[in-house]
Amino acid sequence: MNSGDHGIGPERIEPPGYGKPGMSEEVAKADLCMASDDSAYMVGENLILCGGMASI
């Protein structure tokens, strides 16, 4: 390791997201979950379906 190398660089960091556009089936699964009893305890939440791209 060089004195200026701290182990941080583009080759060591994975970009966020899945690298592909979302499919309608993936969005539909989230919609079905929100419409089911599985989400009964959720109140007033925003569900962001972005494949991780919002973390950029």
N, C-alpha and C. Protein backbone atom coordinates (compact mmCIF):
# COMPACT_ATOMS: atom_id res chain seq x y z
N MET A 1 0.86 -1.18 0.00
CA MET A 1 0.00 0.00 0.00
C MET A 1 0.89 1.23 0.00
N ASN A 2 0.65 2.14 -0.91
CA ASN A 2 1.40 3.39 -0.95
C ASN A 2 0.95 4.32 0.16
N SER A 3 1.77 5.31 0.48
CA SER A 3 1.40 6.24 1.55
C SER A 3 0.14 7.02 1.22
N GLY A 4 -0.14 7.25 -0.05
CA GLY A 4 -1.34 7.98 -0.44
C GLY A 4 -2.54 7.08 -0.70
N ASP A 5 -2.34 5.75 -0.63
CA ASP A 5 -3.40 4.80 -0.90
C ASP A 5 -4.08 4.41 0.41
N HIS A 6 -5.32 4.80 0.56
CA HIS A 6 -6.08 4.49 1.77
C HIS A 6 -7.09 3.38 1.53
N GLY A 7 -6.96 2.66 0.42
CA GLY A 7 -7.89 1.59 0.13
C GLY A 7 -9.23 2.07 -0.40
N ILE A 8 -9.30 3.31 -0.78
CA ILE A 8 -10.55 3.86 -1.30
C ILE A 8 -10.32 4.28 -2.74
N GLY A 9 -11.13 3.76 -3.61
CA GLY A 9 -11.00 4.12 -5.02
C GLY A 9 -12.14 3.52 -5.80
N PRO A 10 -12.33 3.94 -7.03
CA PRO A 10 -13.46 3.45 -7.82
C PRO A 10 -13.44 1.94 -8.02
N GLU A 11 -12.26 1.33 -8.02
CA GLU A 11 -12.19 -0.10 -8.22
C GLU A 11 -12.61 -0.88 -6.98
N ARG A 12 -12.75 -0.22 -5.84
CA ARG A 12 -13.09 -0.90 -4.60
C ARG A 12 -14.51 -0.58 -4.13
N ILE A 13 -15.19 0.31 -4.78
CA ILE A 13 -16.53 0.72 -4.36
C ILE A 13 -17.54 0.25 -5.39
N GLU A 14 -18.52 -0.52 -4.94
CA GLU A 14 -19.59 -0.96 -5.83
C GLU A 14 -20.62 0.15 -5.97
N PRO A 15 -21.05 0.45 -7.18
CA PRO A 15 -22.10 1.46 -7.33
C PRO A 15 -23.42 0.94 -6.78
N PRO A 16 -24.24 1.83 -6.23
CA PRO A 16 -25.53 1.39 -5.71
C PRO A 16 -26.48 1.03 -6.83
N GLY A 17 -27.49 0.31 -6.50
CA GLY A 17 -28.52 -0.04 -7.48
C GLY A 17 -28.22 -1.36 -8.16
N TYR A 18 -29.19 -1.82 -8.89
CA TYR A 18 -29.07 -3.10 -9.57
C TYR A 18 -28.56 -2.95 -11.00
N GLY A 19 -28.42 -1.74 -11.48
CA GLY A 19 -27.89 -1.53 -12.81
C GLY A 19 -28.86 -1.87 -13.92
N LYS A 20 -30.16 -1.92 -13.61
CA LYS A 20 -31.16 -2.21 -14.63
C LYS A 20 -32.44 -1.48 -14.26
N PRO A 21 -33.26 -1.18 -15.24
CA PRO A 21 -34.56 -0.56 -14.90
C PRO A 21 -35.47 -1.57 -14.21
N GLY A 22 -36.34 -1.07 -13.37
CA GLY A 22 -37.28 -1.95 -12.67
C GLY A 22 -38.32 -2.52 -13.62
N MET A 23 -38.74 -3.72 -13.33
CA MET A 23 -39.75 -4.38 -14.13
C MET A 23 -41.11 -4.17 -13.48
N SER A 24 -42.16 -4.18 -14.27
CA SER A 24 -43.50 -3.96 -13.73
C SER A 24 -43.87 -5.03 -12.71
N GLU A 25 -43.36 -6.26 -12.88
CA GLU A 25 -43.63 -7.33 -11.92
C GLU A 25 -43.03 -7.00 -10.55
N GLU A 26 -41.87 -6.33 -10.53
CA GLU A 26 -41.23 -5.97 -9.27
C GLU A 26 -42.03 -4.90 -8.54
N VAL A 27 -42.54 -3.95 -9.28
CA VAL A 27 -43.38 -2.91 -8.68
C VAL A 27 -44.70 -3.51 -8.21
N ALA A 28 -45.25 -4.42 -8.98
CA ALA A 28 -46.52 -5.06 -8.61
C ALA A 28 -46.38 -5.83 -7.30
N LYS A 29 -45.24 -6.45 -7.06
CA LYS A 29 -45.03 -7.18 -5.81
C LYS A 29 -45.09 -6.24 -4.62
N ALA A 30 -44.50 -5.06 -4.76
CA ALA A 30 -44.56 -4.07 -3.69
C ALA A 30 -45.98 -3.57 -3.49
N ASP A 31 -46.70 -3.36 -4.58
CA ASP A 31 -48.11 -2.94 -4.49
C ASP A 31 -48.95 -3.99 -3.77
N LEU A 32 -48.74 -5.26 -4.11
CA LEU A 32 -49.50 -6.33 -3.47
C LEU A 32 -49.19 -6.41 -1.98
N CYS A 33 -47.95 -6.21 -1.63
CA CYS A 33 -47.58 -6.23 -0.21
C CYS A 33 -48.28 -5.10 0.53
N MET A 34 -48.29 -3.90 -0.05
CA MET A 34 -48.92 -2.76 0.60
C MET A 34 -50.44 -2.94 0.73
N ALA A 35 -51.04 -3.68 -0.20
CA ALA A 35 -52.49 -3.91 -0.17
C ALA A 35 -52.87 -5.09 0.71
N SER A 36 -51.89 -5.85 1.18
CA SER A 36 -52.19 -7.04 1.97
C SER A 36 -52.13 -6.74 3.47
N ASP A 37 -52.52 -7.73 4.25
CA ASP A 37 -52.45 -7.61 5.71
C ASP A 37 -51.01 -7.57 6.21
N ASP A 38 -50.03 -7.93 5.37
CA ASP A 38 -48.62 -7.88 5.77
C ASP A 38 -48.17 -6.46 6.09
N SER A 39 -48.86 -5.47 5.55
CA SER A 39 -48.47 -4.08 5.79
C SER A 39 -49.43 -3.38 6.76
N ALA A 40 -50.17 -4.15 7.53
CA ALA A 40 -51.18 -3.58 8.43
C ALA A 40 -50.58 -2.65 9.48
N TYR A 41 -49.34 -2.84 9.85
CA TYR A 41 -48.71 -2.01 10.88
C TYR A 41 -48.06 -0.76 10.31
N MET A 42 -47.98 -0.65 8.99
CA MET A 42 -47.37 0.52 8.34
C MET A 42 -48.41 1.63 8.21
N VAL A 43 -48.05 2.82 8.64
CA VAL A 43 -48.95 3.97 8.56
C VAL A 43 -48.16 5.17 8.06
N GLY A 44 -48.61 5.79 6.99
CA GLY A 44 -48.03 7.04 6.51
C GLY A 44 -46.60 6.94 6.05
N GLU A 45 -46.22 5.88 5.40
CA GLU A 45 -44.86 5.71 4.91
C GLU A 45 -44.79 5.95 3.40
N ASN A 46 -43.64 6.43 2.95
CA ASN A 46 -43.36 6.54 1.53
C ASN A 46 -42.56 5.32 1.12
N LEU A 47 -43.00 4.63 0.11
CA LEU A 47 -42.30 3.45 -0.40
C LEU A 47 -41.58 3.87 -1.67
N ILE A 48 -40.26 3.86 -1.62
CA ILE A 48 -39.45 4.27 -2.76
C ILE A 48 -38.97 3.03 -3.49
N LEU A 49 -39.39 2.86 -4.71
CA LEU A 49 -38.99 1.73 -5.55
C LEU A 49 -38.02 2.22 -6.60
N CYS A 50 -36.74 2.18 -6.27
CA CYS A 50 -35.75 2.76 -7.19
C CYS A 50 -34.58 1.82 -7.44
N GLY A 51 -34.61 0.62 -6.89
CA GLY A 51 -33.50 -0.30 -7.10
C GLY A 51 -32.20 0.15 -6.48
N GLY A 52 -32.28 1.02 -5.50
CA GLY A 52 -31.08 1.51 -4.83
C GLY A 52 -30.51 2.79 -5.41
N MET A 53 -31.10 3.28 -6.47
CA MET A 53 -30.54 4.46 -7.14
C MET A 53 -30.72 5.74 -6.33
N ALA A 54 -31.63 5.75 -5.35
CA ALA A 54 -31.82 6.94 -4.53
C ALA A 54 -30.65 7.16 -3.58
N SER A 55 -29.80 6.18 -3.42
CA SER A 55 -28.66 6.31 -2.51
C SER A 55 -27.45 6.92 -3.18
N ILE A 56 -27.58 7.30 -4.43
CA ILE A 56 -26.45 7.92 -5.15
C ILE A 56 -26.24 9.32 -4.66
